[in-house]
Amino acid sequence: MSSEGPDGLGDEIAKARAARAEREAKKQSATRADDGSISAGAYALRYGAEFGTSVFVGGFIGYWIDVFAGTKPWGLLIMGAFGFAAGTRAIIRAYKELNAQALKQTQEPQAPEDGN
């Protein structure tokens, strides 16, 4: 057993809390720095992939409905239209998310960085 008294324990707790606060501050600054690091090409790829996947999945489901039900172009057309609507909705949702993120970044006061 150590010979430290209650004061030594209090010092250890204070050190641990300070270390935790420092880790949290670093984590928040890293998260804040990552928020604006996505390029325009990455957004274009995301939007294109979401839209294309939605239309493809809708058309694929419609094709298989046509195969099993024997309704030849109608399942593909209707489900393709639903896929188009879902893709458009996904793009609008992603666009609103991007705008909210940009608005949040412009309204946050930037803390000055010190040389430490």
PDB file of N, CA and C in Angstrom:
ATOM      1  N   MET A   1       0.833  -1.171   0.000  1.00  0.00           N
ATOM      2  CA  MET A   1       0.000   0.000   0.000  1.00  0.00           C
ATOM      3  C   MET A   1       0.876   1.232   0.000  1.00  0.00           C
ATOM      4  N   SER A   2       0.387   2.253  -0.582  1.00  0.00           N
ATOM      5  CA  SER A   2       1.166   3.478  -0.649  1.00  0.00           C
ATOM      6  C   SER A   2       0.900   4.321   0.588  1.00  0.00           C
ATOM      7  N   SER A   3       1.786   5.242   0.834  1.00  0.00           N
ATOM      8  CA  SER A   3       1.657   6.081   2.017  1.00  0.00           C
ATOM      9  C   SER A   3       0.953   7.397   1.698  1.00  0.00           C
ATOM     10  N   GLU A   4       0.351   7.477   0.497  1.00  0.00           N
ATOM     11  CA  GLU A   4      -0.330   8.703   0.127  1.00  0.00           C
ATOM     12  C   GLU A   4      -1.617   8.853   0.922  1.00  0.00           C
ATOM     13  N   GLY A   5      -1.882  10.052   1.322  1.00  0.00           N
ATOM     14  CA  GLY A   5      -3.094  10.328   2.065  1.00  0.00           C
ATOM     15  C   GLY A   5      -4.180  10.815   1.133  1.00  0.00           C
ATOM     16  N   PRO A   6      -5.210  11.402   1.693  1.00  0.00           N
ATOM     17  CA  PRO A   6      -6.312  11.900   0.876  1.00  0.00           C
ATOM     18  C   PRO A   6      -5.882  13.000  -0.090  1.00  0.00           C
ATOM     19  N   ASP A   7      -4.862  13.782   0.279  1.00  0.00           N
ATOM     20  CA  ASP A   7      -4.399  14.843  -0.611  1.00  0.00           C
ATOM     21  C   ASP A   7      -3.805  14.257  -1.887  1.00  0.00           C
ATOM     22  N   GLY A   8      -3.072  13.174  -1.782  1.00  0.00           N
ATOM     23  CA  GLY A   8      -2.476  12.530  -2.961  1.00  0.00           C
ATOM     24  C   GLY A   8      -3.546  12.003  -3.891  1.00  0.00           C
ATOM     25  N   LEU A   9      -4.616  11.475  -3.345  1.00  0.00           N
ATOM     26  CA  LEU A   9      -5.720  10.966  -4.152  1.00  0.00           C
ATOM     27  C   LEU A   9      -6.426  12.108  -4.880  1.00  0.00           C
ATOM     28  N   GLY A  10      -6.609  13.224  -4.188  1.00  0.00           N
ATOM     29  CA  GLY A  10      -7.236  14.387  -4.812  1.00  0.00           C
ATOM     30  C   GLY A  10      -6.404  14.924  -5.956  1.00  0.00           C
ATOM     31  N   ASP A  11      -5.064  14.892  -5.777  1.00  0.00           N
ATOM     32  CA  ASP A  11      -4.186  15.343  -6.858  1.00  0.00           C
ATOM     33  C   ASP A  11      -4.288  14.427  -8.069  1.00  0.00           C
ATOM     34  N   GLU A  12      -4.363  13.133  -7.826  1.00  0.00           N
ATOM     35  CA  GLU A  12      -4.478  12.173  -8.925  1.00  0.00           C
ATOM     36  C   GLU A  12      -5.801  12.359  -9.678  1.00  0.00           C
ATOM     37  N   ILE A  13      -6.863  12.604  -8.936  1.00  0.00           N
ATOM     38  CA  ILE A  13      -8.167  12.831  -9.570  1.00  0.00           C
ATOM     39  C   ILE A  13      -8.131  14.102 -10.413  1.00  0.00           C
ATOM     40  N   ALA A  14      -7.516  15.149  -9.886  1.00  0.00           N
ATOM     41  CA  ALA A  14      -7.414  16.407 -10.632  1.00  0.00           C
ATOM     42  C   ALA A  14      -6.601  16.222 -11.900  1.00  0.00           C
ATOM     43  N   LYS A  15      -5.506  15.453 -11.826  1.00  0.00           N
ATOM     44  CA  LYS A  15      -4.687  15.187 -13.015  1.00  0.00           C
ATOM     45  C   LYS A  15      -5.485  14.404 -14.050  1.00  0.00           C
ATOM     46  N   ALA A  16      -6.244  13.410 -13.591  1.00  0.00           N
ATOM     47  CA  ALA A  16      -7.029  12.588 -14.512  1.00  0.00           C
ATOM     48  C   ALA A  16      -8.114  13.429 -15.191  1.00  0.00           C
ATOM     49  N   ARG A  17      -8.749  14.311 -14.437  1.00  0.00           N
ATOM     50  CA  ARG A  17      -9.782  15.178 -15.020  1.00  0.00           C
ATOM     51  C   ARG A  17      -9.177  16.143 -16.032  1.00  0.00           C
ATOM     52  N   ALA A  18      -8.003  16.675 -15.728  1.00  0.00           N
ATOM     53  CA  ALA A  18      -7.343  17.590 -16.662  1.00  0.00           C
ATOM     54  C   ALA A  18      -6.957  16.860 -17.946  1.00  0.00           C
ATOM     55  N   ALA A  19      -6.448  15.636 -17.804  1.00  0.00           N
ATOM     56  CA  ALA A  19      -6.080  14.850 -18.986  1.00  0.00           C
ATOM     57  C   ALA A  19      -7.312  14.534 -19.824  1.00  0.00           C
ATOM     58  N   ARG A  20      -8.431  14.214 -19.174  1.00  0.00           N
ATOM     59  CA  ARG A  20      -9.663  13.912 -19.896  1.00  0.00           C
ATOM     60  C   ARG A  20     -10.184  15.149 -20.617  1.00  0.00           C
ATOM     61  N   ALA A  21     -10.147  16.289 -19.959  1.00  0.00           N
ATOM     62  CA  ALA A  21     -10.597  17.532 -20.593  1.00  0.00           C
ATOM     63  C   ALA A  21      -9.736  17.863 -21.808  1.00  0.00           C
ATOM     64  N   GLU A  22      -8.445  17.617 -21.704  1.00  0.00           N
ATOM     65  CA  GLU A  22      -7.545  17.872 -22.829  1.00  0.00           C
ATOM     66  C   GLU A  22      -7.860  16.948 -24.001  1.00  0.00           C
ATOM     67  N   ARG A  23      -8.127  15.663 -23.710  1.00  0.00           N
ATOM     68  CA  ARG A  23      -8.487  14.723 -24.771  1.00  0.00           C
ATOM     69  C   ARG A  23      -9.793  15.120 -25.447  1.00  0.00           C
ATOM     70  N   GLU A  24     -10.772  15.547 -24.658  1.00  0.00           N
ATOM     71  CA  GLU A  24     -12.055  15.970 -25.220  1.00  0.00           C
ATOM     72  C   GLU A  24     -11.888  17.217 -26.096  1.00  0.00           C
ATOM     73  N   ALA A  25     -11.053  18.153 -25.660  1.00  0.00           N
ATOM     74  CA  ALA A  25     -10.818  19.362 -26.456  1.00  0.00           C
ATOM     75  C   ALA A  25     -10.156  19.014 -27.788  1.00  0.00           C
ATOM     76  N   LYS A  26      -9.186  18.104 -27.761  1.00  0.00           N
ATOM     77  CA  LYS A  26      -8.536  17.678 -29.006  1.00  0.00           C
ATOM     78  C   LYS A  26      -9.531  16.976 -29.922  1.00  0.00           C
ATOM     79  N   LYS A  27     -10.380  16.150 -29.337  1.00  0.00           N
ATOM     80  CA  LYS A  27     -11.363  15.411 -30.127  1.00  0.00           C
ATOM     81  C   LYS A  27     -12.352  16.371 -30.790  1.00  0.00           C
ATOM     82  N   GLN A  28     -12.816  17.384 -30.054  1.00  0.00           N
ATOM     83  CA  GLN A  28     -13.749  18.349 -30.613  1.00  0.00           C
ATOM     84  C   GLN A  28     -13.104  19.190 -31.706  1.00  0.00           C
ATOM     85  N   SER A  29     -11.840  19.574 -31.515  1.00  0.00           N
ATOM     86  CA  SER A  29     -11.179  20.373 -32.548  1.00  0.00           C
ATOM     87  C   SER A  29     -10.937  19.537 -33.800  1.00  0.00           C
ATOM     88  N   ALA A  30     -10.636  18.249 -33.629  1.00  0.00           N
ATOM     89  CA  ALA A  30     -10.453  17.376 -34.788  1.00  0.00           C
ATOM     90  C   ALA A  30     -11.769  17.177 -35.521  1.00  0.00           C
ATOM     91  N   THR A  31     -12.859  17.028 -34.781  1.00  0.00           N
ATOM     92  CA  THR A  31     -14.171  16.878 -35.401  1.00  0.00           C
ATOM     93  C   THR A  31     -14.554  18.142 -36.146  1.00  0.00           C
ATOM     94  N   ARG A  32     -14.287  19.290 -35.550  1.00  0.00           N
ATOM     95  CA  ARG A  32     -14.602  20.569 -36.190  1.00  0.00           C
ATOM     96  C   ARG A  32     -13.781  20.741 -37.460  1.00  0.00           C
ATOM     97  N   ALA A  33     -12.535  20.303 -37.448  1.00  0.00           N
ATOM     98  CA  ALA A  33     -11.679  20.428 -38.625  1.00  0.00           C
ATOM     99  C   ALA A  33     -12.131  19.483 -39.729  1.00  0.00           C
ATOM    100  N   ASP A  34     -12.664  18.314 -39.375  1.00  0.00           N
ATOM    101  CA  ASP A  34     -13.106  17.350 -40.373  1.00  0.00           C
ATOM    102  C   ASP A  34     -14.413  17.740 -41.034  1.00  0.00           C
ATOM    103  N   ASP A  35     -15.217  18.587 -40.406  1.00  0.00           N
ATOM    104  CA  ASP A  35     -16.527  18.920 -40.949  1.00  0.00           C
ATOM    105  C   ASP A  35     -16.451  19.566 -42.324  1.00  0.00           C
ATOM    106  N   GLY A  36     -15.459  20.371 -42.605  1.00  0.00           N
ATOM    107  CA  GLY A  36     -15.405  21.073 -43.875  1.00  0.00           C
ATOM    108  C   GLY A  36     -14.394  20.523 -44.848  1.00  0.00           C
ATOM    109  N   SER A  37     -13.898  19.325 -44.612  1.00  0.00           N
ATOM    110  CA  SER A  37     -12.805  18.828 -45.432  1.00  0.00           C
ATOM    111  C   SER A  37     -13.264  17.994 -46.623  1.00  0.00           C
ATOM    112  N   ILE A  38     -14.557  17.829 -46.834  1.00  0.00           N
ATOM    113  CA  ILE A  38     -15.038  17.020 -47.947  1.00  0.00           C
ATOM    114  C   ILE A  38     -15.055  17.891 -49.204  1.00  0.00           C
ATOM    115  N   SER A  39     -14.486  17.376 -50.264  1.00  0.00           N
ATOM    116  CA  SER A  39     -14.379  18.152 -51.498  1.00  0.00           C
ATOM    117  C   SER A  39     -15.690  18.127 -52.282  1.00  0.00           C
ATOM    118  N   ALA A  40     -15.777  18.997 -53.255  1.00  0.00           N
ATOM    119  CA  ALA A  40     -16.966  19.058 -54.108  1.00  0.00           C
ATOM    120  C   ALA A  40     -17.113  17.773 -54.918  1.00  0.00           C
ATOM    121  N   GLY A  41     -16.016  17.187 -55.303  1.00  0.00           N
ATOM    122  CA  GLY A  41     -16.071  15.928 -56.041  1.00  0.00           C
ATOM    123  C   GLY A  41     -16.662  14.802 -55.212  1.00  0.00           C
ATOM    124  N   ALA A  42     -16.350  14.812 -53.930  1.00  0.00           N
ATOM    125  CA  ALA A  42     -16.905  13.786 -53.043  1.00  0.00           C
ATOM    126  C   ALA A  42     -18.415  13.953 -52.911  1.00  0.00           C
ATOM    127  N   TYR A  43     -18.868  15.201 -52.823  1.00  0.00           N
ATOM    128  CA  TYR A  43     -20.311  15.428 -52.767  1.00  0.00           C
ATOM    129  C   TYR A  43     -20.976  15.005 -54.075  1.00  0.00           C
ATOM    130  N   ALA A  44     -20.363  15.311 -55.193  1.00  0.00           N
ATOM    131  CA  ALA A  44     -20.931  14.910 -56.483  1.00  0.00           C
ATOM    132  C   ALA A  44     -21.010  13.393 -56.591  1.00  0.00           C
ATOM    133  N   LEU A  45     -19.982  12.705 -56.134  1.00  0.00           N
ATOM    134  CA  LEU A  45     -19.990  11.247 -56.155  1.00  0.00           C
ATOM    135  C   LEU A  45     -21.082  10.705 -55.247  1.00  0.00           C
ATOM    136  N   ARG A  46     -21.245  11.302 -54.094  1.00  0.00           N
ATOM    137  CA  ARG A  46     -22.282  10.854 -53.167  1.00  0.00           C
ATOM    138  C   ARG A  46     -23.663  11.045 -53.773  1.00  0.00           C
ATOM    139  N   TYR A  47     -23.925  12.240 -54.319  1.00  0.00           N
ATOM    140  CA  TYR A  47     -25.233  12.507 -54.898  1.00  0.00           C
ATOM    141  C   TYR A  47     -25.511  11.583 -56.085  1.00  0.00           C
ATOM    142  N   GLY A  48     -24.529  11.422 -56.932  1.00  0.00           N
ATOM    143  CA  GLY A  48     -24.710  10.558 -58.097  1.00  0.00           C
ATOM    144  C   GLY A  48     -24.941   9.113 -57.712  1.00  0.00           C
ATOM    145  N   ALA A  49     -24.206   8.645 -56.722  1.00  0.00           N
ATOM    146  CA  ALA A  49     -24.360   7.255 -56.288  1.00  0.00           C
ATOM    147  C   ALA A  49     -25.725   7.041 -55.642  1.00  0.00           C
ATOM    148  N   GLU A  50     -26.172   7.964 -54.826  1.00  0.00           N
ATOM    149  CA  GLU A  50     -27.486   7.825 -54.196  1.00  0.00           C
ATOM    150  C   GLU A  50     -28.596   7.830 -55.234  1.00  0.00           C
ATOM    151  N   PHE A  51     -28.519   8.750 -56.181  1.00  0.00           N
ATOM    152  CA  PHE A  51     -29.563   8.845 -57.191  1.00  0.00           C
ATOM    153  C   PHE A  51     -29.550   7.615 -58.103  1.00  0.00           C
ATOM    154  N   GLY A  52     -28.367   7.269 -58.596  1.00  0.00           N
ATOM    155  CA  GLY A  52     -28.265   6.124 -59.498  1.00  0.00           C
ATOM    156  C   GLY A  52     -28.698   4.827 -58.844  1.00  0.00           C
ATOM    157  N   THR A  53     -28.329   4.633 -57.597  1.00  0.00           N
ATOM    158  CA  THR A  53     -28.711   3.421 -56.875  1.00  0.00           C
ATOM    159  C   THR A  53     -30.217   3.363 -56.679  1.00  0.00           C
ATOM    160  N   SER A  54     -30.819   4.473 -56.346  1.00  0.00           N
ATOM    161  CA  SER A  54     -32.272   4.492 -56.144  1.00  0.00           C
ATOM    162  C   SER A  54     -33.019   4.132 -57.428  1.00  0.00           C
ATOM    163  N   VAL A  55     -32.620   4.717 -58.545  1.00  0.00           N
ATOM    164  CA  VAL A  55     -33.272   4.419 -59.823  1.00  0.00           C
ATOM    165  C   VAL A  55     -33.021   2.964 -60.219  1.00  0.00           C
ATOM    166  N   PHE A  56     -31.807   2.481 -60.023  1.00  0.00           N
ATOM    167  CA  PHE A  56     -31.479   1.101 -60.380  1.00  0.00           C
ATOM    168  C   PHE A  56     -32.291   0.110 -59.554  1.00  0.00           C
ATOM    169  N   VAL A  57     -32.361   0.322 -58.255  1.00  0.00           N
ATOM    170  CA  VAL A  57     -33.103  -0.601 -57.392  1.00  0.00           C
ATOM    171  C   VAL A  57     -34.587  -0.582 -57.755  1.00  0.00           C
ATOM    172  N   GLY A  58     -35.152   0.601 -57.965  1.00  0.00           N
ATOM    173  CA  GLY A  58     -36.558   0.678 -58.374  1.00  0.00           C
ATOM    174  C   GLY A  58     -36.808  -0.043 -59.691  1.00  0.00           C
ATOM    175  N   GLY A  59     -35.944   0.188 -60.667  1.00  0.00           N
ATOM    176  CA  GLY A  59     -36.092  -0.490 -61.954  1.00  0.00           C
ATOM    177  C   GLY A  59     -35.907  -1.988 -61.854  1.00  0.00           C
ATOM    178  N   PHE A  60     -34.967  -2.429 -61.021  1.00  0.00           N
ATOM    179  CA  PHE A  60     -34.717  -3.856 -60.835  1.00  0.00           C
ATOM    180  C   PHE A  60     -35.926  -4.549 -60.214  1.00  0.00           C
ATOM    181  N   ILE A  61     -36.497  -3.928 -59.207  1.00  0.00           N
ATOM    182  CA  ILE A  61     -37.696  -4.499 -58.582  1.00  0.00           C
ATOM    183  C   ILE A  61     -38.841  -4.525 -59.588  1.00  0.00           C
ATOM    184  N   GLY A  62     -38.994  -3.457 -60.356  1.00  0.00           N
ATOM    185  CA  GLY A  62     -40.045  -3.408 -61.374  1.00  0.00           C
ATOM    186  C   GLY A  62     -39.855  -4.471 -62.441  1.00  0.00           C
ATOM    187  N   TYR A  63     -38.619  -4.714 -62.838  1.00  0.00           N
ATOM    188  CA  TYR A  63     -38.336  -5.756 -63.827  1.00  0.00           C
ATOM    189  C   TYR A  63     -38.775  -7.127 -63.317  1.00  0.00           C
ATOM    190  N   TRP A  64     -38.457  -7.421 -62.079  1.00  0.00           N
ATOM    191  CA  TRP A  64     -38.822  -8.729 -61.530  1.00  0.00           C
ATOM    192  C   TRP A  64     -40.320  -8.840 -61.294  1.00  0.00           C
ATOM    193  N   ILE A  65     -40.972  -7.740 -61.012  1.00  0.00           N
ATOM    194  CA  ILE A  65     -42.440  -7.768 -60.943  1.00  0.00           C
ATOM    195  C   ILE A  65     -42.998  -8.115 -62.324  1.00  0.00           C
ATOM    196  N   ASP A  66     -42.419  -7.521 -63.370  1.00  0.00           N
ATOM    197  CA  ASP A  66     -42.858  -7.822 -64.736  1.00  0.00           C
ATOM    198  C   ASP A  66     -42.625  -9.288 -65.088  1.00  0.00           C
ATOM    199  N   VAL A  67     -41.501  -9.840 -64.684  1.00  0.00           N
ATOM    200  CA  VAL A  67     -41.180 -11.225 -65.005  1.00  0.00           C
ATOM    201  C   VAL A  67     -42.192 -12.169 -64.350  1.00  0.00           C
ATOM    202  N   PHE A  68     -42.482 -11.951 -63.088  1.00  0.00           N
ATOM    203  CA  PHE A  68     -43.367 -12.868 -62.373  1.00  0.00           C
ATOM    204  C   PHE A  68     -44.849 -12.607 -62.656  1.00  0.00           C
ATOM    205  N   ALA A  69     -45.237 -11.362 -62.857  1.00  0.00           N
ATOM    206  CA  ALA A  69     -46.654 -11.048 -63.058  1.00  0.00           C
ATOM    207  C   ALA A  69     -47.035 -10.992 -64.543  1.00  0.00           C
ATOM    208  N   GLY A  70     -46.047 -10.905 -65.436  1.00  0.00           N
ATOM    209  CA  GLY A  70     -46.328 -10.852 -66.864  1.00  0.00           C
ATOM    210  C   GLY A  70     -46.953  -9.531 -67.308  1.00  0.00           C
ATOM    211  N   THR A  71     -46.515  -8.434 -66.661  1.00  0.00           N
ATOM    212  CA  THR A  71     -47.084  -7.121 -66.971  1.00  0.00           C
ATOM    213  C   THR A  71     -46.112  -6.268 -67.768  1.00  0.00           C
ATOM    214  N   LYS A  72     -45.406  -6.831 -68.669  1.00  0.00           N
ATOM    215  CA  LYS A  72     -44.206  -6.304 -69.311  1.00  0.00           C
ATOM    216  C   LYS A  72     -44.032  -4.802 -69.301  1.00  0.00           C
ATOM    217  N   PRO A  73     -44.153  -3.805 -69.708  1.00  0.00           N
ATOM    218  CA  PRO A  73     -43.324  -2.656 -69.296  1.00  0.00           C
ATOM    219  C   PRO A  73     -43.794  -1.929 -68.042  1.00  0.00           C
ATOM    220  N   TRP A  74     -45.007  -2.286 -67.518  1.00  0.00           N
ATOM    221  CA  TRP A  74     -45.612  -1.434 -66.498  1.00  0.00           C
ATOM    222  C   TRP A  74     -44.894  -1.494 -65.148  1.00  0.00           C
ATOM    223  N   GLY A  75     -44.502  -2.645 -64.728  1.00  0.00           N
ATOM    224  CA  GLY A  75     -43.784  -2.753 -63.449  1.00  0.00           C
ATOM    225  C   GLY A  75     -42.481  -1.972 -63.486  1.00  0.00           C
ATOM    226  N   LEU A  76     -41.753  -2.133 -64.597  1.00  0.00           N
ATOM    227  CA  LEU A  76     -40.484  -1.414 -64.738  1.00  0.00           C
ATOM    228  C   LEU A  76     -40.694   0.097 -64.758  1.00  0.00           C
ATOM    229  N   LEU A  77     -41.714   0.543 -65.505  1.00  0.00           N
ATOM    230  CA  LEU A  77     -41.968   1.984 -65.578  1.00  0.00           C
ATOM    231  C   LEU A  77     -42.407   2.561 -64.237  1.00  0.00           C
ATOM    232  N   ILE A  78     -43.328   1.888 -63.574  1.00  0.00           N
ATOM    233  CA  ILE A  78     -43.846   2.409 -62.308  1.00  0.00           C
ATOM    234  C   ILE A  78     -42.776   2.375 -61.225  1.00  0.00           C
ATOM    235  N   MET A  79     -42.089   1.258 -61.090  1.00  0.00           N
ATOM    236  CA  MET A  79     -41.063   1.167 -60.047  1.00  0.00           C
ATOM    237  C   MET A  79     -39.846   2.026 -60.389  1.00  0.00           C
ATOM    238  N   GLY A  80     -39.570   2.202 -61.686  1.00  0.00           N
ATOM    239  CA  GLY A  80     -38.509   3.130 -62.083  1.00  0.00           C
ATOM    240  C   GLY A  80     -38.853   4.557 -61.688  1.00  0.00           C
ATOM    241  N   ALA A  81     -40.132   4.917 -61.830  1.00  0.00           N
ATOM    242  CA  ALA A  81     -40.573   6.252 -61.407  1.00  0.00           C
ATOM    243  C   ALA A  81     -40.470   6.407 -59.898  1.00  0.00           C
ATOM    244  N   PHE A  82     -40.827   5.345 -59.152  1.00  0.00           N
ATOM    245  CA  PHE A  82     -40.660   5.398 -57.696  1.00  0.00           C
ATOM    246  C   PHE A  82     -39.183   5.520 -57.324  1.00  0.00           C
ATOM    247  N   GLY A  83     -38.326   4.826 -58.043  1.00  0.00           N
ATOM    248  CA  GLY A  83     -36.890   4.940 -57.803  1.00  0.00           C
ATOM    249  C   GLY A  83     -36.378   6.338 -58.097  1.00  0.00           C
ATOM    250  N   PHE A  84     -36.878   6.940 -59.176  1.00  0.00           N
ATOM    251  CA  PHE A  84     -36.506   8.313 -59.506  1.00  0.00           C
ATOM    252  C   PHE A  84     -36.938   9.268 -58.401  1.00  0.00           C
ATOM    253  N   ALA A  85     -38.159   9.085 -57.892  1.00  0.00           N
ATOM    254  CA  ALA A  85     -38.653   9.938 -56.803  1.00  0.00           C
ATOM    255  C   ALA A  85     -37.819   9.733 -55.537  1.00  0.00           C
ATOM    256  N   ALA A  86     -37.468   8.490 -55.239  1.00  0.00           N
ATOM    257  CA  ALA A  86     -36.648   8.223 -54.050  1.00  0.00           C
ATOM    258  C   ALA A  86     -35.257   8.831 -54.204  1.00  0.00           C
ATOM    259  N   GLY A  87     -34.686   8.760 -55.404  1.00  0.00           N
ATOM    260  CA  GLY A  87     -33.381   9.366 -55.653  1.00  0.00           C
ATOM    261  C   GLY A  87     -33.421  10.871 -55.521  1.00  0.00           C
ATOM    262  N   THR A  88     -34.479  11.477 -56.044  1.00  0.00           N
ATOM    263  CA  THR A  88     -34.633  12.925 -55.922  1.00  0.00           C
ATOM    264  C   THR A  88     -34.781  13.325 -54.460  1.00  0.00           C
ATOM    265  N   ARG A  89     -35.542  12.555 -53.705  1.00  0.00           N
ATOM    266  CA  ARG A  89     -35.712  12.832 -52.273  1.00  0.00           C
ATOM    267  C   ARG A  89     -34.390  12.691 -51.528  1.00  0.00           C
ATOM    268  N   ALA A  90     -33.593  11.698 -51.875  1.00  0.00           N
ATOM    269  CA  ALA A  90     -32.297  11.504 -51.222  1.00  0.00           C
ATOM    270  C   ALA A  90     -31.357  12.674 -51.517  1.00  0.00           C
ATOM    271  N   ILE A  91     -31.382  13.177 -52.740  1.00  0.00           N
ATOM    272  CA  ILE A  91     -30.537  14.320 -53.087  1.00  0.00           C
ATOM    273  C   ILE A  91     -30.980  15.573 -52.334  1.00  0.00           C
ATOM    274  N   ILE A  92     -32.281  15.786 -52.236  1.00  0.00           N
ATOM    275  CA  ILE A  92     -32.785  16.950 -51.506  1.00  0.00           C
ATOM    276  C   ILE A  92     -32.407  16.853 -50.033  1.00  0.00           C
ATOM    277  N   ARG A  93     -32.533  15.669 -49.450  1.00  0.00           N
ATOM    278  CA  ARG A  93     -32.155  15.474 -48.043  1.00  0.00           C
ATOM    279  C   ARG A  93     -30.666  15.728 -47.829  1.00  0.00           C
ATOM    280  N   ALA A  94     -29.834  15.220 -48.719  1.00  0.00           N
ATOM    281  CA  ALA A  94     -28.388  15.427 -48.591  1.00  0.00           C
ATOM    282  C   ALA A  94     -28.030  16.901 -48.790  1.00  0.00           C
ATOM    283  N   TYR A  95     -28.729  17.578 -49.684  1.00  0.00           N
ATOM    284  CA  TYR A  95     -28.487  18.997 -49.921  1.00  0.00           C
ATOM    285  C   TYR A  95     -28.854  19.822 -48.690  1.00  0.00           C
ATOM    286  N   LYS A  96     -29.975  19.507 -48.065  1.00  0.00           N
ATOM    287  CA  LYS A  96     -30.371  20.219 -46.847  1.00  0.00           C
ATOM    288  C   LYS A  96     -29.359  19.977 -45.729  1.00  0.00           C
ATOM    289  N   GLU A  97     -28.858  18.752 -45.638  1.00  0.00           N
ATOM    290  CA  GLU A  97     -27.838  18.425 -44.633  1.00  0.00           C
ATOM    291  C   GLU A  97     -26.566  19.230 -44.878  1.00  0.00           C
ATOM    292  N   LEU A  98     -26.169  19.341 -46.123  1.00  0.00           N
ATOM    293  CA  LEU A  98     -24.977  20.105 -46.482  1.00  0.00           C
ATOM    294  C   LEU A  98     -25.159  21.587 -46.156  1.00  0.00           C
ATOM    295  N   ASN A  99     -26.328  22.138 -46.466  1.00  0.00           N
ATOM    296  CA  ASN A  99     -26.589  23.544 -46.154  1.00  0.00           C
ATOM    297  C   ASN A  99     -26.619  23.797 -44.657  1.00  0.00           C
ATOM    298  N   ALA A 100     -27.208  22.891 -43.888  1.00  0.00           N
ATOM    299  CA  ALA A 100     -27.240  23.053 -42.430  1.00  0.00           C
ATOM    300  C   ALA A 100     -25.826  23.010 -41.853  1.00  0.00           C
ATOM    301  N   GLN A 101     -25.001  22.144 -42.397  1.00  0.00           N
ATOM    302  CA  GLN A 101     -23.613  22.044 -41.936  1.00  0.00           C
ATOM    303  C   GLN A 101     -22.846  23.323 -42.276  1.00  0.00           C
ATOM    304  N   ALA A 102     -23.042  23.858 -43.460  1.00  0.00           N
ATOM    305  CA  ALA A 102     -22.359  25.094 -43.851  1.00  0.00           C
ATOM    306  C   ALA A 102     -22.834  26.272 -43.005  1.00  0.00           C
ATOM    307  N   LEU A 103     -24.120  26.327 -42.718  1.00  0.00           N
ATOM    308  CA  LEU A 103     -24.662  27.393 -41.883  1.00  0.00           C
ATOM    309  C   LEU A 103     -24.103  27.307 -40.470  1.00  0.00           C
ATOM    310  N   LYS A 104     -23.980  26.105 -39.958  1.00  0.00           N
ATOM    311  CA  LYS A 104     -23.430  25.901 -38.617  1.00  0.00           C
ATOM    312  C   LYS A 104     -21.978  26.377 -38.559  1.00  0.00           C
ATOM    313  N   GLN A 105     -21.216  26.086 -39.600  1.00  0.00           N
ATOM    314  CA  GLN A 105     -19.807  26.492 -39.616  1.00  0.00           C
ATOM    315  C   GLN A 105     -19.657  28.005 -39.720  1.00  0.00           C
ATOM    316  N   THR A 106     -20.532  28.661 -40.457  1.00  0.00           N
ATOM    317  CA  THR A 106     -20.404  30.109 -40.598  1.00  0.00           C
ATOM    318  C   THR A 106     -20.873  30.844 -39.359  1.00  0.00           C
ATOM    319  N   GLN A 107     -21.744  30.253 -38.569  1.00  0.00           N
ATOM    320  CA  GLN A 107     -22.249  30.914 -37.379  1.00  0.00           C
ATOM    321  C   GLN A 107     -21.396  30.655 -36.146  1.00  0.00           C
ATOM    322  N   GLU A 108     -20.567  29.612 -36.149  1.00  0.00           N
ATOM    323  CA  GLU A 108     -19.703  29.331 -35.008  1.00  0.00           C
ATOM    324  C   GLU A 108     -18.554  30.316 -34.970  1.00  0.00           C
ATOM    325  N   PRO A 109     -18.311  30.924 -33.825  1.00  0.00           N
ATOM    326  CA  PRO A 109     -17.139  31.791 -33.740  1.00  0.00           C
ATOM    327  C   PRO A 109     -15.865  30.948 -33.750  1.00  0.00           C
ATOM    328  N   GLN A 110     -14.923  31.355 -34.538  1.00  0.00           N
ATOM    329  CA  GLN A 110     -13.662  30.640 -34.642  1.00  0.00           C
ATOM    330  C   GLN A 110     -12.734  31.081 -33.517  1.00  0.00           C
ATOM    331  N   ALA A 111     -12.276  30.139 -32.752  1.00  0.00           N
ATOM    332  CA  ALA A 111     -11.362  30.445 -31.659  1.00  0.00           C
ATOM    333  C   ALA A 111      -9.969  30.687 -32.232  1.00  0.00           C
ATOM    334  N   PRO A 112      -9.274  31.696 -31.749  1.00  0.00           N
ATOM    335  CA  PRO A 112      -7.922  31.909 -32.256  1.00  0.00           C
ATOM    336  C   PRO A 112      -7.006  30.783 -31.820  1.00  0.00           C
ATOM    337  N   GLU A 113      -6.139  30.386 -32.724  1.00  0.00           N
ATOM    338  CA  GLU A 113      -5.204  29.307 -32.408  1.00  0.00           C
ATOM    339  C   GLU A 113      -3.934  29.900 -31.864  1.00  0.00           C
ATOM    340  N   ASP A 114      -3.481  29.346 -30.759  1.00  0.00           N
ATOM    341  CA  ASP A 114      -2.216  29.799 -30.205  1.00  0.00           C
ATOM    342  C   ASP A 114      -1.111  28.845 -30.645  1.00  0.00           C
ATOM    343  N   GLY A 115       0.097  29.244 -30.498  1.00  0.00           N
ATOM    344  CA  GLY A 115       1.236  28.472 -30.991  1.00  0.00           C
ATOM    345  C   GLY A 115       1.625  27.303 -30.115  1.00  0.00           C
ATOM    346  N   ASN A 116       0.823  26.924 -29.130  1.00  0.00           N
ATOM    347  CA  ASN A 116       1.182  25.825 -28.222  1.00  0.00           C
ATOM    348  C   ASN A 116       0.963  24.500 -28.843  1.00  0.00           C
TER     349      ASN A 116
END
